[in-house]
Structures are given as C-alpha cells and as structure tokens.
Amino acid sequence: MNYLATPARMLVSRIQTAVTPATDRETGASMVEYALLIGLIAIVAVLAVTAFGDALGDKNTGIAGSIDDAIANR
C-alpha cells in the first residue's frame, strides 16, 4: 500500500492549498518586503544627493585640485 501514500499526500496537499485563503498564504511576501525596502533606500539616496550634492561637488573639486597641484609640483 506504500504506492498509494504519495498520491494521497499530493491530493491532501492540493486540497489544503485550495481551501487556504489567499490572505493566509505568504508566498511572495518577502519579495514585496524587499521591493519596499529598495524603494525606501532609493528615496533616501535621492534625498541625500539633493541635500548634499553641492557640498560633495565642491569637496570633489577641491580634492581634484589638490591632486593636480601635487602632480604639477612633482
């Protein structure tokens, strides 16, 4: 009778899946959570670049000038 165990288990599993409401299933939940997290990180990155963009640009220009001076005075 072992050969009936697998099809019977498959049938019970399919019935449980069909009976379980979609709100109780958690498939895809982690993907949605990761998508929300990535969206939040993107928003924070855009806000940071907007807020500190000019200051970072000025700092990079100063560093580039220092490197050019160091190379020229070699």
PDB file of N, CA and C in Angstrom:
ATOM      1  N   MET A   1       0.806  -1.205   0.000  1.00  0.00           N
ATOM      2  CA  MET A   1       0.000   0.000   0.000  1.00  0.00           C
ATOM      3  C   MET A   1       0.850   1.271   0.000  1.00  0.00           C
ATOM      4  N   ASN A   2       2.155   1.150   0.009  1.00  0.00           N
ATOM      5  CA  ASN A   2       3.012   2.329   0.000  1.00  0.00           C
ATOM      6  C   ASN A   2       2.851   3.161  -1.260  1.00  0.00           C
ATOM      7  N   TYR A   3       2.517   2.518  -2.363  1.00  0.00           N
ATOM      8  CA  TYR A   3       2.399   3.248  -3.622  1.00  0.00           C
ATOM      9  C   TYR A   3       1.210   4.202  -3.612  1.00  0.00           C
ATOM     10  N   LEU A   4       0.258   4.054  -2.692  1.00  0.00           N
ATOM     11  CA  LEU A   4      -0.879   4.969  -2.587  1.00  0.00           C
ATOM     12  C   LEU A   4      -0.570   6.168  -1.695  1.00  0.00           C
ATOM     13  N   ALA A   5       0.484   6.057  -0.899  1.00  0.00           N
ATOM     14  CA  ALA A   5       0.778   7.120   0.063  1.00  0.00           C
ATOM     15  C   ALA A   5       1.134   8.426  -0.639  1.00  0.00           C
ATOM     16  N   THR A   6       1.950   8.369  -1.664  1.00  0.00           N
ATOM     17  CA  THR A   6       2.374   9.594  -2.336  1.00  0.00           C
ATOM     18  C   THR A   6       1.220  10.289  -3.048  1.00  0.00           C
ATOM     19  N   PRO A   7       0.414   9.605  -3.869  1.00  0.00           N
ATOM     20  CA  PRO A   7      -0.716  10.295  -4.494  1.00  0.00           C
ATOM     21  C   PRO A   7      -1.718  10.823  -3.473  1.00  0.00           C
ATOM     22  N   ALA A   8      -1.912  10.090  -2.381  1.00  0.00           N
ATOM     23  CA  ALA A   8      -2.841  10.556  -1.350  1.00  0.00           C
ATOM     24  C   ALA A   8      -2.311  11.824  -0.687  1.00  0.00           C
ATOM     25  N   ARG A   9      -1.032  11.866  -0.404  1.00  0.00           N
ATOM     26  CA  ARG A   9      -0.435  13.066   0.185  1.00  0.00           C
ATOM     27  C   ARG A   9      -0.530  14.247  -0.771  1.00  0.00           C
ATOM     28  N   MET A  10      -0.305  13.983  -2.045  1.00  0.00           N
ATOM     29  CA  MET A  10      -0.406  15.053  -3.035  1.00  0.00           C
ATOM     30  C   MET A  10      -1.827  15.597  -3.096  1.00  0.00           C
ATOM     31  N   LEU A  11      -2.807  14.712  -3.033  1.00  0.00           N
ATOM     32  CA  LEU A  11      -4.204  15.132  -3.072  1.00  0.00           C
ATOM     33  C   LEU A  11      -4.553  15.966  -1.845  1.00  0.00           C
ATOM     34  N   VAL A  12      -4.121  15.521  -0.677  1.00  0.00           N
ATOM     35  CA  VAL A  12      -4.386  16.275   0.551  1.00  0.00           C
ATOM     36  C   VAL A  12      -3.717  17.647   0.477  1.00  0.00           C
ATOM     37  N   SER A  13      -2.502  17.697  -0.032  1.00  0.00           N
ATOM     38  CA  SER A  13      -1.792  18.971  -0.158  1.00  0.00           C
ATOM     39  C   SER A  13      -2.519  19.921  -1.099  1.00  0.00           C
ATOM     40  N   ARG A  14      -3.009  19.408  -2.211  1.00  0.00           N
ATOM     41  CA  ARG A  14      -3.747  20.252  -3.164  1.00  0.00           C
ATOM     42  C   ARG A  14      -5.045  20.761  -2.558  1.00  0.00           C
ATOM     43  N   ILE A  15      -5.715  19.914  -1.803  1.00  0.00           N
ATOM     44  CA  ILE A  15      -6.972  20.335  -1.164  1.00  0.00           C
ATOM     45  C   ILE A  15      -6.688  21.421  -0.127  1.00  0.00           C
ATOM     46  N   GLN A  16      -5.629  21.242   0.663  1.00  0.00           N
ATOM     47  CA  GLN A  16      -5.284  22.253   1.663  1.00  0.00           C
ATOM     48  C   GLN A  16      -4.933  23.581   1.000  1.00  0.00           C
ATOM     49  N   THR A  17      -4.215  23.531  -0.098  1.00  0.00           N
ATOM     50  CA  THR A  17      -3.857  24.753  -0.811  1.00  0.00           C
ATOM     51  C   THR A  17      -5.092  25.447  -1.360  1.00  0.00           C
ATOM     52  N   ALA A  18      -6.022  24.673  -1.886  1.00  0.00           N
ATOM     53  CA  ALA A  18      -7.243  25.257  -2.442  1.00  0.00           C
ATOM     54  C   ALA A  18      -8.131  25.843  -1.357  1.00  0.00           C
ATOM     55  N   VAL A  19      -8.138  25.222  -0.186  1.00  0.00           N
ATOM     56  CA  VAL A  19      -9.012  25.665   0.898  1.00  0.00           C
ATOM     57  C   VAL A  19      -8.421  26.868   1.634  1.00  0.00           C
ATOM     58  N   THR A  20      -7.097  26.941   1.721  1.00  0.00           N
ATOM     59  CA  THR A  20      -6.447  28.039   2.432  1.00  0.00           C
ATOM     60  C   THR A  20      -6.711  29.345   1.689  1.00  0.00           C
ATOM     61  N   PRO A  21      -7.244  30.344   2.378  1.00  0.00           N
ATOM     62  CA  PRO A  21      -7.495  31.618   1.710  1.00  0.00           C
ATOM     63  C   PRO A  21      -6.197  32.287   1.262  1.00  0.00           C
ATOM     64  N   ALA A  22      -6.293  33.087   0.236  1.00  0.00           N
ATOM     65  CA  ALA A  22      -5.109  33.746  -0.314  1.00  0.00           C
ATOM     66  C   ALA A  22      -4.456  34.673   0.702  1.00  0.00           C
ATOM     67  N   THR A  23      -5.228  35.201   1.639  1.00  0.00           N
ATOM     68  CA  THR A  23      -4.651  36.108   2.637  1.00  0.00           C
ATOM     69  C   THR A  23      -3.782  35.378   3.643  1.00  0.00           C
ATOM     70  N   ASP A  24      -3.973  34.076   3.802  1.00  0.00           N
ATOM     71  CA  ASP A  24      -3.161  33.305   4.739  1.00  0.00           C
ATOM     72  C   ASP A  24      -1.866  32.803   4.113  1.00  0.00           C
ATOM     73  N   ARG A  25      -1.754  32.864   2.813  1.00  0.00           N
ATOM     74  CA  ARG A  25      -0.547  32.401   2.131  1.00  0.00           C
ATOM     75  C   ARG A  25       0.516  33.491   2.191  1.00  0.00           C
ATOM     76  N   GLU A  26       1.746  33.082   2.373  1.00  0.00           N
ATOM     77  CA  GLU A  26       2.832  34.049   2.487  1.00  0.00           C
ATOM     78  C   GLU A  26       3.785  33.988   1.300  1.00  0.00           C
ATOM     79  N   THR A  27       3.407  33.316   0.237  1.00  0.00           N
ATOM     80  CA  THR A  27       4.285  33.253  -0.920  1.00  0.00           C
ATOM     81  C   THR A  27       4.368  34.630  -1.552  1.00  0.00           C
ATOM     82  N   GLY A  28       5.576  35.073  -1.812  1.00  0.00           N
ATOM     83  CA  GLY A  28       5.791  36.378  -2.410  1.00  0.00           C
ATOM     84  C   GLY A  28       5.855  37.516  -1.411  1.00  0.00           C
ATOM     85  N   ALA A  29       5.598  37.237  -0.147  1.00  0.00           N
ATOM     86  CA  ALA A  29       5.609  38.302   0.858  1.00  0.00           C
ATOM     87  C   ALA A  29       7.009  38.882   1.025  1.00  0.00           C
ATOM     88  N   SER A  30       8.017  38.034   1.041  1.00  0.00           N
ATOM     89  CA  SER A  30       9.371  38.550   1.225  1.00  0.00           C
ATOM     90  C   SER A  30       9.815  39.364   0.014  1.00  0.00           C
ATOM     91  N   MET A  31       9.358  38.996  -1.177  1.00  0.00           N
ATOM     92  CA  MET A  31       9.707  39.769  -2.363  1.00  0.00           C
ATOM     93  C   MET A  31       9.111  41.172  -2.269  1.00  0.00           C
ATOM     94  N   VAL A  32       7.896  41.268  -1.785  1.00  0.00           N
ATOM     95  CA  VAL A  32       7.261  42.574  -1.612  1.00  0.00           C
ATOM     96  C   VAL A  32       8.011  43.386  -0.562  1.00  0.00           C
ATOM     97  N   GLU A  33       8.418  42.738   0.521  1.00  0.00           N
ATOM     98  CA  GLU A  33       9.172  43.440   1.559  1.00  0.00           C
ATOM     99  C   GLU A  33      10.499  43.962   1.011  1.00  0.00           C
ATOM    100  N   TYR A  34      11.197  43.157   0.220  1.00  0.00           N
ATOM    101  CA  TYR A  34      12.449  43.609  -0.376  1.00  0.00           C
ATOM    102  C   TYR A  34      12.210  44.755  -1.349  1.00  0.00           C
ATOM    103  N   ALA A  35      11.140  44.696  -2.118  1.00  0.00           N
ATOM    104  CA  ALA A  35      10.826  45.778  -3.054  1.00  0.00           C
ATOM    105  C   ALA A  35      10.554  47.077  -2.303  1.00  0.00           C
ATOM    106  N   LEU A  36       9.819  46.997  -1.210  1.00  0.00           N
ATOM    107  CA  LEU A  36       9.564  48.192  -0.401  1.00  0.00           C
ATOM    108  C   LEU A  36      10.856  48.739   0.196  1.00  0.00           C
ATOM    109  N   LEU A  37      11.723  47.851   0.646  1.00  0.00           N
ATOM    110  CA  LEU A  37      12.997  48.273   1.222  1.00  0.00           C
ATOM    111  C   LEU A  37      13.876  48.955   0.178  1.00  0.00           C
ATOM    112  N   ILE A  38      13.934  48.399  -1.019  1.00  0.00           N
ATOM    113  CA  ILE A  38      14.720  49.002  -2.097  1.00  0.00           C
ATOM    114  C   ILE A  38      14.154  50.365  -2.469  1.00  0.00           C
ATOM    115  N   GLY A  39      12.835  50.469  -2.505  1.00  0.00           N
ATOM    116  CA  GLY A  39      12.206  51.759  -2.793  1.00  0.00           C
ATOM    117  C   GLY A  39      12.550  52.801  -1.743  1.00  0.00           C
ATOM    118  N   LEU A  40      12.528  52.405  -0.479  1.00  0.00           N
ATOM    119  CA  LEU A  40      12.870  53.324   0.604  1.00  0.00           C
ATOM    120  C   LEU A  40      14.329  53.763   0.509  1.00  0.00           C
ATOM    121  N   ILE A  41      15.217  52.833   0.211  1.00  0.00           N
ATOM    122  CA  ILE A  41      16.637  53.169   0.068  1.00  0.00           C
ATOM    123  C   ILE A  41      16.838  54.126  -1.100  1.00  0.00           C
ATOM    124  N   ALA A  42      16.128  53.912  -2.198  1.00  0.00           N
ATOM    125  CA  ALA A  42      16.242  54.804  -3.354  1.00  0.00           C
ATOM    126  C   ALA A  42      15.777  56.213  -3.004  1.00  0.00           C
ATOM    127  N   ILE A  43      14.685  56.316  -2.275  1.00  0.00           N
ATOM    128  CA  ILE A  43      14.178  57.637  -1.879  1.00  0.00           C
ATOM    129  C   ILE A  43      15.185  58.346  -0.980  1.00  0.00           C
ATOM    130  N   VAL A  44      15.758  57.625  -0.020  1.00  0.00           N
ATOM    131  CA  VAL A  44      16.754  58.219   0.874  1.00  0.00           C
ATOM    132  C   VAL A  44      17.988  58.653   0.084  1.00  0.00           C
ATOM    133  N   ALA A  45      18.415  57.854  -0.890  1.00  0.00           N
ATOM    134  CA  ALA A  45      19.584  58.207  -1.697  1.00  0.00           C
ATOM    135  C   ALA A  45      19.327  59.475  -2.503  1.00  0.00           C
ATOM    136  N   VAL A  46      18.147  59.586  -3.096  1.00  0.00           N
ATOM    137  CA  VAL A  46      17.809  60.783  -3.879  1.00  0.00           C
ATOM    138  C   VAL A  46      17.770  62.009  -2.974  1.00  0.00           C
ATOM    139  N   LEU A  47      17.170  61.869  -1.805  1.00  0.00           N
ATOM    140  CA  LEU A  47      17.118  62.996  -0.869  1.00  0.00           C
ATOM    141  C   LEU A  47      18.517  63.399  -0.402  1.00  0.00           C
ATOM    142  N   ALA A  48      19.389  62.426  -0.161  1.00  0.00           N
ATOM    143  CA  ALA A  48      20.750  62.727   0.284  1.00  0.00           C
ATOM    144  C   ALA A  48      21.533  63.446  -0.806  1.00  0.00           C
ATOM    145  N   VAL A  49      21.422  62.989  -2.036  1.00  0.00           N
ATOM    146  CA  VAL A  49      22.132  63.642  -3.140  1.00  0.00           C
ATOM    147  C   VAL A  49      21.594  65.048  -3.347  1.00  0.00           C
ATOM    148  N   THR A  50      20.288  65.214  -3.215  1.00  0.00           N
ATOM    149  CA  THR A  50      19.695  66.541  -3.367  1.00  0.00           C
ATOM    150  C   THR A  50      20.177  67.480  -2.265  1.00  0.00           C
ATOM    151  N   ALA A  51      20.228  66.990  -1.043  1.00  0.00           N
ATOM    152  CA  ALA A  51      20.610  67.837   0.086  1.00  0.00           C
ATOM    153  C   ALA A  51      22.105  68.142   0.112  1.00  0.00           C
ATOM    154  N   PHE A  52      22.934  67.153  -0.190  1.00  0.00           N
ATOM    155  CA  PHE A  52      24.378  67.320  -0.044  1.00  0.00           C
ATOM    156  C   PHE A  52      25.115  67.383  -1.376  1.00  0.00           C
ATOM    157  N   GLY A  53      24.407  67.451  -2.477  1.00  0.00           N
ATOM    158  CA  GLY A  53      25.037  67.401  -3.796  1.00  0.00           C
ATOM    159  C   GLY A  53      26.051  68.497  -4.033  1.00  0.00           C
ATOM    160  N   ASP A  54      25.686  69.743  -3.735  1.00  0.00           N
ATOM    161  CA  ASP A  54      26.603  70.860  -3.969  1.00  0.00           C
ATOM    162  C   ASP A  54      27.836  70.768  -3.079  1.00  0.00           C
ATOM    163  N   ALA A  55      27.637  70.415  -1.822  1.00  0.00           N
ATOM    164  CA  ALA A  55      28.768  70.307  -0.899  1.00  0.00           C
ATOM    165  C   ALA A  55      29.718  69.197  -1.340  1.00  0.00           C
ATOM    166  N   LEU A  56      29.164  68.076  -1.775  1.00  0.00           N
ATOM    167  CA  LEU A  56      30.015  66.974  -2.244  1.00  0.00           C
ATOM    168  C   LEU A  56      30.740  67.353  -3.527  1.00  0.00           C
ATOM    169  N   GLY A  57      30.070  68.071  -4.405  1.00  0.00           N
ATOM    170  CA  GLY A  57      30.708  68.522  -5.642  1.00  0.00           C
ATOM    171  C   GLY A  57      31.863  69.464  -5.358  1.00  0.00           C
ATOM    172  N   ASP A  58      31.663  70.399  -4.425  1.00  0.00           N
ATOM    173  CA  ASP A  58      32.736  71.321  -4.053  1.00  0.00           C
ATOM    174  C   ASP A  58      33.907  70.572  -3.426  1.00  0.00           C
ATOM    175  N   LYS A  59      33.608  69.595  -2.589  1.00  0.00           N
ATOM    176  CA  LYS A  59      34.665  68.803  -1.940  1.00  0.00           C
ATOM    177  C   LYS A  59      35.464  68.027  -2.993  1.00  0.00           C
ATOM    178  N   ASN A  60      34.778  67.432  -3.957  1.00  0.00           N
ATOM    179  CA  ASN A  60      35.465  66.682  -5.013  1.00  0.00           C
ATOM    180  C   ASN A  60      36.316  67.601  -5.876  1.00  0.00           C
ATOM    181  N   THR A  61      35.827  68.807  -6.141  1.00  0.00           N
ATOM    182  CA  THR A  61      36.603  69.770  -6.918  1.00  0.00           C
ATOM    183  C   THR A  61      37.875  70.153  -6.168  1.00  0.00           C
ATOM    184  N   GLY A  62      37.764  70.349  -4.857  1.00  0.00           N
ATOM    185  CA  GLY A  62      38.937  70.667  -4.047  1.00  0.00           C
ATOM    186  C   GLY A  62      39.950  69.539  -4.035  1.00  0.00           C
ATOM    187  N   ILE A  63      39.482  68.324  -3.921  1.00  0.00           N
ATOM    188  CA  ILE A  63      40.380  67.158  -3.931  1.00  0.00           C
ATOM    189  C   ILE A  63      41.070  67.033  -5.281  1.00  0.00           C
ATOM    190  N   ALA A  64      40.313  67.217  -6.361  1.00  0.00           N
ATOM    191  CA  ALA A  64      40.901  67.127  -7.704  1.00  0.00           C
ATOM    192  C   ALA A  64      41.956  68.209  -7.897  1.00  0.00           C
ATOM    193  N   GLY A  65      41.700  69.416  -7.382  1.00  0.00           N
ATOM    194  CA  GLY A  65      42.684  70.493  -7.478  1.00  0.00           C
ATOM    195  C   GLY A  65      43.946  70.168  -6.707  1.00  0.00           C
ATOM    196  N   SER A  66      43.796  69.578  -5.527  1.00  0.00           N
ATOM    197  CA  SER A  66      44.961  69.199  -4.724  1.00  0.00           C
ATOM    198  C   SER A  66      45.790  68.137  -5.429  1.00  0.00           C
ATOM    199  N   ILE A  67      45.126  67.194  -6.054  1.00  0.00           N
ATOM    200  CA  ILE A  67      45.844  66.142  -6.794  1.00  0.00           C
ATOM    201  C   ILE A  67      46.585  66.747  -7.978  1.00  0.00           C
ATOM    202  N   ASP A  68      45.931  67.665  -8.700  1.00  0.00           N
ATOM    203  CA  ASP A  68      46.586  68.321  -9.839  1.00  0.00           C
ATOM    204  C   ASP A  68      47.805  69.117  -9.381  1.00  0.00           C
ATOM    205  N   ASP A  69      47.678  69.842  -8.251  1.00  0.00           N
ATOM    206  CA  ASP A  69      48.808  70.606  -7.720  1.00  0.00           C
ATOM    207  C   ASP A  69      49.953  69.686  -7.317  1.00  0.00           C
ATOM    208  N   ALA A  70      49.631  68.555  -6.703  1.00  0.00           N
ATOM    209  CA  ALA A  70      50.668  67.614  -6.274  1.00  0.00           C
ATOM    210  C   ALA A  70      51.406  67.035  -7.471  1.00  0.00           C
ATOM    211  N   ILE A  71      50.676  66.765  -8.539  1.00  0.00           N
ATOM    212  CA  ILE A  71      51.311  66.216  -9.744  1.00  0.00           C
ATOM    213  C   ILE A  71      52.159  67.286 -10.423  1.00  0.00           C
ATOM    214  N   ALA A  72      51.671  68.533 -10.466  1.00  0.00           N
ATOM    215  CA  ALA A  72      52.392  69.616 -11.134  1.00  0.00           C
ATOM    216  C   ALA A  72      53.665  69.987 -10.379  1.00  0.00           C
ATOM    217  N   ASN A  73      53.661  69.894  -9.064  1.00  0.00           N
ATOM    218  CA  ASN A  73      54.822  70.281  -8.252  1.00  0.00           C
ATOM    219  C   ASN A  73      55.802  69.139  -8.036  1.00  0.00           C
ATOM    220  N   ARG A  74      55.637  68.080  -8.698  1.00  0.00           N
ATOM    221  CA  ARG A  74      56.476  66.906  -8.542  1.00  0.00           C
ATOM    222  C   ARG A  74      57.856  67.135  -9.015  1.00  0.00           C
TER     223      ARG A  74
END
